Amino acid sequence: MAYLKNYCFLIIIFTITINSFSCKKSTSQKENNIAVMAYYVPEKDYKPETLPLNQLTHIIYSFTKVIDNEMKFNNAEHDKKLKQLVEQRKNHPDLKFMIACGGWGSKGFSDMSFSPENRKKFVKSVVKFIKEYELDGLDIDWEYPCIPAANTKARPEDKQNFTFLMKELRQALNTLDRKQTLTFASAGWKPYYKNIETTEVMKYVDYMNIMTYDQISGNSPFTGHHTPLGWIKNEHLKDSLVSDFYEEMTKRSAGYGVEYEPGSAEMIVDYCIAQGVNPKQIVIGAAFYGKAWKGVSSANDGLYQANKGAHATDSYRDIRKKYESNNNYKRYWDSIAKAPYLFSATDSIFITYDDTVSVKLKTEYTIKNRLGGIMFWQLGHDVKEKNSLLNAIYNASEN
């Protein structure tokens, strides 16, 4: 009997230990959960039921525009397509279906946010839109407050008006029965944050989606990384062709009270946290597309070399098909930038992009640093095979 009692006692202790371990493991898994957000532009062969929605936490349909101080589609075809996408909620009840407003070159934000009356009209249209399509949230992609990029209108008052807009959107979204996620797309370079009231805006949003891509323009006179994770510092470039350029830009920028340096995810994340942003609200970006230059010297395997102009901006799907499988192109890895690139000495073409290795590292970085998540532009650019970019992100986020 004593043996049986001792045996039963050991079983109880064992069971409690296992349950305790399971609870700890479950808690740890929850702490590691990150948002995986896909911006998505409907493809020509639009079949939302075939999208890998099970690997996402949020899908952000792109784009609506600011038209007459209201949020609207500028193409009637989007109406049907968005409804078809949201119908997939029956198969993916935990997925958040969101809408993005704006995008590169999108006008109307400065005028819309300039007066309380205009903002009220816009916010009212947002609420109506979200109710109509039964959405779970909104992403504001204003590129950029106070900066007339791509000939969009801008004024100094944009800085405070952006705060007013996000506050009023938050208040309105909170009145809806369905819980709403509010995000905004921010730039991956420091001067952008001089033009918004960062810590004030973060009081009203769930996430800031940092566009840690397009860190170098296709019109750049030299090659480089457009979506690096690793912190590239001026000292890393001192022996390269671009050293003088960065030194000159650093001097010029100092006169405007801003700091110029090569862009990267690590750099801008550290900067935003230093500005008081909660890491859990930071979402970094991956690029499902690449940039290429032609006429590139083979010195340093094409990296940081002069070029003779932009060659192309290709989706990752096209890069894999046309270049990764082409024997003329060799893949290189930059351990400082933590980014790949392709170069063909035969064709003199250099390609900067994200691949399955780099997006995996970005995801692991996000988890390790307890950030809010990872997003990417855009889902339609990915390959359809099993070893896709999204699959690499998903596997890293699950593990």
Protein backbone atom coordinates (compact mmCIF):
# COMPACT_ATOMS: atom_id res chain seq x y z
CA MET A 1 0.00 0.00 0.00
CA ALA A 2 2.85 2.37 0.90
CA TYR A 3 4.44 1.61 -2.47
CA LEU A 4 1.17 2.37 -4.21
CA LYS A 5 0.80 5.69 -2.34
CA ASN A 6 4.34 6.69 -3.23
CA TYR A 7 3.72 5.70 -6.86
CA CYS A 8 0.52 7.75 -6.97
CA PHE A 9 2.35 10.70 -5.41
CA LEU A 10 5.06 10.51 -8.08
CA ILE A 11 2.43 10.38 -10.81
CA ILE A 12 0.76 13.51 -9.42
CA ILE A 13 4.09 15.36 -9.19
CA PHE A 14 4.97 14.26 -12.73
CA THR A 15 1.60 15.42 -14.03
CA ILE A 16 1.90 18.81 -12.32
CA THR A 17 5.43 19.24 -13.71
CA ILE A 18 4.32 18.39 -17.24
CA ASN A 19 1.33 20.73 -17.02
CA SER A 20 3.54 23.48 -15.63
CA PHE A 21 6.01 23.00 -18.50
CA SER A 22 3.15 23.04 -21.01
CA CYS A 23 1.80 26.28 -19.56
CA LYS A 24 5.23 27.87 -19.67
CA LYS A 25 5.72 26.69 -23.24
CA SER A 26 2.30 28.01 -24.23
CA THR A 27 3.03 31.37 -22.58
CA SER A 28 6.40 31.53 -24.31
CA GLN A 29 4.80 30.78 -27.66
CA LYS A 30 2.26 33.56 -27.14
CA GLU A 31 5.05 35.99 -26.27
CA ASN A 32 6.81 35.08 -29.51
CA ASN A 33 3.74 35.55 -31.68
CA ILE A 34 4.24 38.32 -34.21
CA ALA A 35 2.03 39.92 -36.80
CA VAL A 36 2.65 38.76 -40.36
CA MET A 37 1.06 41.39 -42.60
CA ALA A 38 0.74 41.22 -46.37
CA TYR A 39 -0.04 44.21 -48.52
CA TYR A 40 -1.93 42.88 -51.50
CA VAL A 41 -2.82 44.22 -54.93
CA PRO A 42 -5.21 41.89 -56.81
CA GLU A 43 -3.43 39.93 -59.52
CA LYS A 44 -4.57 39.65 -63.10
CA ASP A 45 -5.70 36.08 -62.49
CA TYR A 46 -7.48 36.96 -59.25
CA LYS A 47 -8.41 33.91 -57.18
CA PRO A 48 -8.52 34.88 -53.49
CA GLU A 49 -9.38 31.32 -52.49
CA THR A 50 -5.91 30.21 -53.64
CA LEU A 51 -3.98 32.77 -51.60
CA PRO A 52 -1.88 31.40 -48.68
CA LEU A 53 -4.04 33.22 -46.15
CA ASN A 54 -3.35 30.61 -43.49
CA GLN A 55 0.19 31.97 -43.20
CA LEU A 56 -0.90 35.53 -42.43
CA THR A 57 -2.30 37.41 -39.44
CA HIS A 58 -3.35 40.46 -41.52
CA ILE A 59 -3.96 41.06 -45.21
CA ILE A 60 -4.07 44.71 -46.34
CA TYR A 61 -5.96 45.25 -49.59
CA SER A 62 -4.30 48.07 -51.54
CA PHE A 63 -5.33 50.81 -52.34
CA THR A 64 -8.14 53.24 -51.75
CA LYS A 65 -7.49 56.93 -52.39
CA VAL A 66 -8.38 60.29 -50.88
CA ILE A 67 -10.96 61.65 -53.34
CA ASP A 68 -12.93 64.81 -52.51
CA ASN A 69 -11.86 64.40 -48.87
CA GLU A 70 -13.33 60.90 -48.70
CA MET A 71 -11.80 57.43 -48.82
CA LYS A 72 -12.87 55.76 -52.07
CA PHE A 73 -11.75 53.32 -54.71
CA ASN A 74 -10.64 55.00 -57.92
CA ASN A 75 -11.51 51.83 -59.84
CA ALA A 76 -14.94 50.19 -59.64
CA GLU A 77 -13.42 46.72 -60.10
CA HIS A 78 -11.99 46.86 -56.59
CA ASP A 79 -15.46 46.71 -55.06
CA LYS A 80 -16.16 43.16 -56.20
CA LYS A 81 -12.60 41.98 -55.60
CA LEU A 82 -12.46 43.22 -52.01
CA LYS A 83 -15.78 41.54 -51.26
CA GLN A 84 -14.45 38.29 -52.72
CA LEU A 85 -11.40 38.54 -50.50
CA VAL A 86 -13.41 39.16 -47.34
CA GLU A 87 -15.56 36.14 -48.18
CA GLN A 88 -12.50 34.08 -47.29
CA ARG A 89 -13.14 34.90 -43.64
CA LYS A 90 -15.30 31.78 -43.53
CA ASN A 91 -12.16 29.73 -44.12
CA HIS A 92 -9.83 31.94 -42.08
CA PRO A 93 -11.82 33.36 -39.15
CA ASP A 94 -8.74 34.64 -37.28
CA LEU A 95 -7.30 36.57 -40.23
CA LYS A 96 -7.68 40.35 -40.12
CA PHE A 97 -8.90 41.88 -43.38
CA MET A 98 -7.76 45.49 -43.72
CA ILE A 99 -7.83 48.27 -46.27
CA ALA A 100 -4.93 50.60 -47.15
CA CYS A 101 -5.48 54.21 -48.18
CA GLY A 102 -2.86 56.12 -50.14
CA GLY A 103 0.37 54.74 -51.57
CA TRP A 104 3.22 56.30 -53.50
CA GLY A 105 2.13 59.42 -55.36
CA SER A 106 -1.33 59.41 -53.78
CA LYS A 107 -2.64 62.95 -53.39
CA GLY A 108 -5.23 64.57 -51.17
CA PHE A 109 -3.88 63.89 -47.69
CA SER A 110 -2.56 67.37 -46.96
CA ASP A 111 -5.78 69.13 -48.00
CA MET A 112 -8.01 66.52 -46.34
CA SER A 113 -6.23 66.75 -43.00
CA PHE A 114 -5.90 70.55 -43.07
CA SER A 115 -9.28 71.41 -41.53
CA PRO A 116 -11.51 69.76 -38.90
CA GLU A 117 -14.37 69.74 -41.42
CA ASN A 118 -12.36 67.89 -44.05
CA ARG A 119 -11.05 65.36 -41.53
CA LYS A 120 -14.55 64.75 -40.24
CA LYS A 121 -15.77 64.04 -43.76
CA PHE A 122 -12.90 61.64 -44.36
CA VAL A 123 -13.33 59.79 -41.07
CA LYS A 124 -17.04 59.42 -41.70
CA SER A 125 -16.32 57.88 -45.10
CA VAL A 126 -13.82 55.46 -43.51
CA VAL A 127 -16.39 54.23 -41.01
CA LYS A 128 -18.96 53.78 -43.76
CA PHE A 129 -16.43 51.92 -45.93
CA ILE A 130 -15.35 49.55 -43.16
CA LYS A 131 -18.95 48.77 -42.26
CA GLU A 132 -19.88 48.13 -45.88
CA TYR A 133 -17.04 45.65 -46.47
CA GLU A 134 -16.99 44.24 -42.92
CA LEU A 135 -13.30 44.97 -42.46
CA ASP A 136 -11.02 44.64 -39.46
CA GLY A 137 -8.88 47.70 -39.86
CA LEU A 138 -7.26 50.53 -41.78
CA ASP A 139 -3.72 51.36 -42.90
CA ILE A 140 -2.91 54.99 -43.71
CA ASP A 141 -0.14 55.22 -46.31
CA TRP A 142 0.53 58.95 -46.56
CA GLU A 143 3.81 59.39 -48.44
CA TYR A 144 4.71 61.80 -46.81
CA PRO A 145 3.57 64.48 -44.33
CA CYS A 146 5.37 67.79 -44.97
CA ILE A 147 7.19 66.34 -48.02
CA PRO A 148 5.69 66.83 -51.51
CA ALA A 149 7.05 63.52 -52.81
CA ALA A 150 5.94 62.60 -56.34
CA ASN A 151 4.33 66.07 -56.62
CA THR A 152 1.88 65.43 -53.81
CA LYS A 153 0.86 68.57 -51.99
CA ALA A 154 2.47 69.25 -48.61
CA ARG A 155 2.55 71.99 -45.99
CA PRO A 156 4.31 72.44 -42.60
CA GLU A 157 0.98 71.97 -40.81
CA ASP A 158 0.90 68.35 -42.01
CA LYS A 159 2.97 67.39 -38.97
CA GLN A 160 0.26 68.19 -36.42
CA ASN A 161 -2.62 67.48 -38.78
CA PHE A 162 -1.38 63.91 -39.20
CA THR A 163 -1.70 63.48 -35.43
CA PHE A 164 -5.22 64.93 -35.48
CA LEU A 165 -6.18 62.58 -38.30
CA MET A 166 -4.92 59.43 -36.56
CA LYS A 167 -6.53 60.43 -33.27
CA GLU A 168 -9.91 61.07 -34.90
CA LEU A 169 -9.69 57.81 -36.86
CA ARG A 170 -8.95 55.90 -33.65
CA GLN A 171 -11.89 57.45 -31.86
CA ALA A 172 -14.26 56.66 -34.72
CA LEU A 173 -13.00 53.10 -35.20
CA ASN A 174 -13.50 52.44 -31.50
CA THR A 175 -17.24 52.96 -31.96
CA LEU A 176 -17.57 49.98 -34.30
CA ASP A 177 -18.70 46.57 -33.08
CA ARG A 178 -15.85 44.76 -34.81
CA LYS A 179 -12.48 45.48 -33.19
CA GLN A 180 -10.36 47.58 -35.53
CA THR A 181 -6.62 47.59 -36.17
CA LEU A 182 -5.20 51.00 -37.09
CA THR A 183 -1.76 51.21 -38.71
CA PHE A 184 0.25 53.61 -40.81
CA ALA A 185 3.11 53.14 -43.22
CA SER A 186 6.23 55.09 -42.27
CA ALA A 187 9.50 55.66 -44.09
CA GLY A 188 12.70 53.80 -43.29
CA TRP A 189 14.85 56.92 -43.03
CA LYS A 190 15.34 59.30 -40.09
CA PRO A 191 14.29 62.66 -41.65
CA TYR A 192 10.73 61.31 -42.04
CA TYR A 193 10.28 61.28 -38.27
CA LYS A 194 11.09 64.99 -38.05
CA ASN A 195 7.80 65.54 -39.91
CA ILE A 196 5.44 63.61 -37.64
CA GLU A 197 4.77 63.76 -33.91
CA THR A 198 5.93 60.19 -33.52
CA THR A 199 5.23 59.42 -29.86
CA GLU A 200 1.90 61.26 -29.99
CA VAL A 201 0.74 59.39 -33.10
CA MET A 202 1.71 56.05 -31.53
CA LYS A 203 -0.88 56.63 -28.79
CA TYR A 204 -3.64 56.04 -31.33
CA VAL A 205 -2.33 53.26 -33.57
CA ASP A 206 -1.71 49.57 -33.12
CA TYR A 207 1.31 49.35 -35.39
CA MET A 208 3.71 51.48 -37.38
CA ASN A 209 4.63 49.63 -40.58
CA ILE A 210 8.15 50.81 -41.40
CA MET A 211 8.95 50.57 -45.09
CA THR A 212 12.45 49.19 -44.67
CA TYR A 213 12.83 48.88 -48.40
CA ASP A 214 13.50 51.33 -51.26
CA GLN A 215 16.54 52.40 -49.21
CA ILE A 216 18.25 53.17 -52.51
CA SER A 217 16.65 54.51 -55.67
CA GLY A 218 16.75 52.85 -59.06
CA ASN A 219 18.14 56.20 -60.27
CA SER A 220 21.10 55.99 -57.90
CA PRO A 221 24.47 56.50 -59.65
CA PHE A 222 25.85 53.53 -57.72
CA THR A 223 24.62 50.07 -56.76
CA GLY A 224 23.61 49.11 -53.23
CA HIS A 225 21.09 47.32 -51.05
CA HIS A 226 17.48 48.44 -51.20
CA THR A 227 16.13 46.33 -48.31
CA PRO A 228 18.96 45.46 -45.90
CA LEU A 229 18.43 44.19 -42.38
CA GLY A 230 21.98 44.81 -41.13
CA TRP A 231 23.14 48.21 -39.97
CA ILE A 232 25.37 49.63 -42.72
CA LYS A 233 27.47 52.45 -41.33
CA ASN A 234 29.54 55.04 -43.14
CA GLU A 235 32.69 53.40 -41.81
CA HIS A 236 31.77 50.22 -43.70
CA LEU A 237 31.86 52.18 -46.96
CA LYS A 238 35.10 54.13 -46.43
CA ASP A 239 37.03 52.12 -49.02
CA SER A 240 34.20 51.97 -51.56
CA LEU A 241 33.28 54.09 -54.53
CA VAL A 242 30.36 55.65 -52.65
CA SER A 243 32.37 56.85 -49.65
CA ASP A 244 32.74 60.42 -50.94
CA PHE A 245 29.02 60.57 -51.81
CA TYR A 246 27.91 59.58 -48.32
CA GLU A 247 30.41 61.93 -46.71
CA GLU A 248 29.10 64.83 -48.78
CA MET A 249 25.46 63.93 -48.06
CA THR A 250 26.23 63.70 -44.35
CA LYS A 251 27.67 67.23 -44.38
CA ARG A 252 24.71 68.63 -46.34
CA SER A 253 22.14 66.96 -44.11
CA ALA A 254 23.75 68.32 -40.95
CA GLY A 255 22.87 71.81 -42.16
CA TYR A 256 19.19 70.84 -42.12
CA GLY A 257 19.34 69.33 -38.67
CA VAL A 258 19.03 65.74 -39.89
CA GLU A 259 21.44 62.84 -39.97
CA TYR A 260 22.14 61.16 -43.28
CA GLU A 261 23.34 57.58 -43.37
CA PRO A 262 22.68 54.39 -45.30
CA GLY A 263 19.28 52.92 -44.48
CA SER A 264 18.61 49.56 -42.85
CA ALA A 265 16.01 47.87 -40.68
CA GLU A 266 18.30 47.62 -37.65
CA MET A 267 19.23 51.30 -37.86
CA ILE A 268 15.70 52.67 -38.10
CA VAL A 269 14.29 50.30 -35.46
CA ASP A 270 16.93 51.41 -32.96
CA TYR A 271 16.22 55.03 -33.86
CA CYS A 272 12.45 54.69 -33.37
CA ILE A 273 12.87 52.92 -30.04
CA ALA A 274 15.22 55.70 -28.93
CA GLN A 275 12.45 58.18 -29.86
CA GLY A 276 10.13 56.40 -27.41
CA VAL A 277 8.25 54.01 -29.69
CA ASN A 278 7.15 50.76 -28.03
CA PRO A 279 8.94 47.90 -29.84
CA LYS A 280 5.67 45.92 -29.83
CA GLN A 281 4.20 48.58 -32.12
CA ILE A 282 7.01 48.35 -34.68
CA VAL A 283 6.53 46.27 -37.82
CA ILE A 284 9.47 46.03 -40.23
CA GLY A 285 9.21 45.49 -43.96
CA ALA A 286 10.42 42.92 -46.46
CA ALA A 287 10.46 43.48 -50.21
CA PHE A 288 8.91 40.91 -52.52
CA TYR A 289 10.57 42.71 -55.43
CA GLY A 290 14.05 43.82 -56.42
CA LYS A 291 15.86 46.65 -58.16
CA ALA A 292 18.51 46.27 -60.84
CA TRP A 293 21.16 48.37 -62.57
CA LYS A 294 22.97 47.85 -65.86
CA GLY A 295 26.51 48.67 -66.97
CA VAL A 296 27.99 47.70 -63.60
CA SER A 297 31.70 47.05 -63.10
CA SER A 298 32.71 43.62 -61.80
CA ALA A 299 34.86 45.19 -59.06
CA ASN A 300 33.72 44.09 -55.58
CA ASP A 301 31.33 41.72 -57.38
CA GLY A 302 29.27 44.72 -58.48
CA LEU A 303 28.46 46.07 -55.00
CA TYR A 304 28.77 49.86 -54.49
CA GLN A 305 29.85 50.38 -58.09
CA ALA A 306 28.89 52.96 -60.69
CA ASN A 307 26.18 51.99 -63.15
CA LYS A 308 24.71 53.16 -66.45
CA GLY A 309 21.12 53.40 -65.30
CA ALA A 310 18.23 51.38 -63.92
CA HIS A 311 17.71 48.01 -65.56
CA ALA A 312 14.38 46.92 -64.07
CA THR A 313 12.22 46.57 -60.99
CA ASP A 314 11.10 42.97 -60.90
CA SER A 315 8.86 40.91 -58.65
CA TYR A 316 10.55 38.14 -56.71
CA ARG A 317 8.61 35.70 -58.87
CA ASP A 318 10.34 37.10 -61.96
CA ILE A 319 13.73 37.31 -60.25
CA ARG A 320 13.60 33.62 -59.40
CA LYS A 321 12.48 32.71 -62.90
CA LYS A 322 14.82 34.97 -64.89
CA TYR A 323 17.90 35.38 -62.73
CA GLU A 324 18.23 32.96 -59.82
CA SER A 325 18.06 30.06 -62.27
CA ASN A 326 20.38 31.75 -64.79
CA ASN A 327 23.97 30.47 -64.67
CA ASN A 328 25.23 33.90 -65.72
CA TYR A 329 24.08 35.26 -62.37
CA LYS A 330 25.79 34.46 -59.11
CA ARG A 331 24.24 35.04 -55.68
CA TYR A 332 26.36 36.91 -53.14
CA TRP A 333 25.76 37.51 -49.44
CA ASP A 334 26.72 40.74 -47.67
CA SER A 335 27.30 39.83 -44.01
CA ILE A 336 27.15 43.48 -42.90
CA ALA A 337 23.90 44.30 -44.68
CA LYS A 338 22.60 40.78 -43.97
CA ALA A 339 21.24 40.84 -47.50
CA PRO A 340 21.73 38.98 -50.77
CA TYR A 341 22.38 40.31 -54.24
CA LEU A 342 22.78 38.87 -57.70
CA PHE A 343 25.46 39.92 -60.15
CA SER A 344 26.34 38.90 -63.68
CA ALA A 345 29.80 39.87 -64.85
CA THR A 346 28.72 38.71 -68.32
CA ASP A 347 25.65 40.98 -68.49
CA SER A 348 27.05 43.69 -66.13
CA ILE A 349 23.74 43.64 -64.22
CA PHE A 350 23.39 43.96 -60.44
CA ILE A 351 20.17 43.04 -58.57
CA THR A 352 19.29 43.90 -54.96
CA TYR A 353 16.39 42.02 -53.40
CA ASP A 354 15.10 39.88 -50.50
CA ASP A 355 15.27 36.09 -50.74
CA THR A 356 14.15 33.25 -48.49
CA VAL A 357 17.29 33.54 -46.35
CA SER A 358 17.03 37.29 -45.75
CA VAL A 359 13.29 37.29 -44.94
CA LYS A 360 13.89 34.43 -42.50
CA LEU A 361 16.58 36.53 -40.78
CA LYS A 362 14.25 39.54 -40.65
CA THR A 363 11.55 37.42 -39.03
CA GLU A 364 13.99 35.99 -36.48
CA TYR A 365 15.24 39.52 -35.75
CA THR A 366 11.65 40.63 -35.18
CA ILE A 367 11.04 37.83 -32.68
CA LYS A 368 14.39 38.21 -30.90
CA ASN A 369 13.85 41.95 -30.41
CA ARG A 370 10.19 41.52 -29.43
CA LEU A 371 8.91 43.74 -32.22
CA GLY A 372 5.30 43.79 -33.34
CA GLY A 373 5.80 41.92 -36.58
CA ILE A 374 6.89 41.85 -40.18
CA MET A 375 5.05 43.06 -43.29
CA PHE A 376 5.87 43.04 -46.97
CA TRP A 377 5.05 44.63 -50.28
CA GLN A 378 3.40 42.73 -51.81
CA LEU A 379 1.87 39.24 -51.77
CA GLY A 380 1.17 39.08 -55.50
CA HIS A 381 4.91 39.30 -56.23
CA ASP A 382 5.71 36.01 -54.51
CA VAL A 383 6.19 32.65 -56.18
CA LYS A 384 3.42 30.08 -55.99
CA GLU A 385 5.71 27.19 -55.08
CA LYS A 386 6.19 25.75 -51.62
CA ASN A 387 9.54 27.50 -51.03
CA SER A 388 8.05 30.98 -51.29
CA LEU A 389 9.14 34.09 -49.41
CA LEU A 390 5.97 34.01 -47.32
CA ASN A 391 6.57 30.37 -46.47
CA ALA A 392 10.05 31.29 -45.19
CA ILE A 393 8.54 34.03 -43.01
CA TYR A 394 5.78 31.77 -41.76
CA ASN A 395 8.12 28.93 -40.83
CA ALA A 396 10.44 31.30 -38.98
CA SER A 397 7.53 32.88 -37.09
CA GLU A 398 6.17 29.47 -36.08
CA ASN A 399 9.53 28.17 -34.89
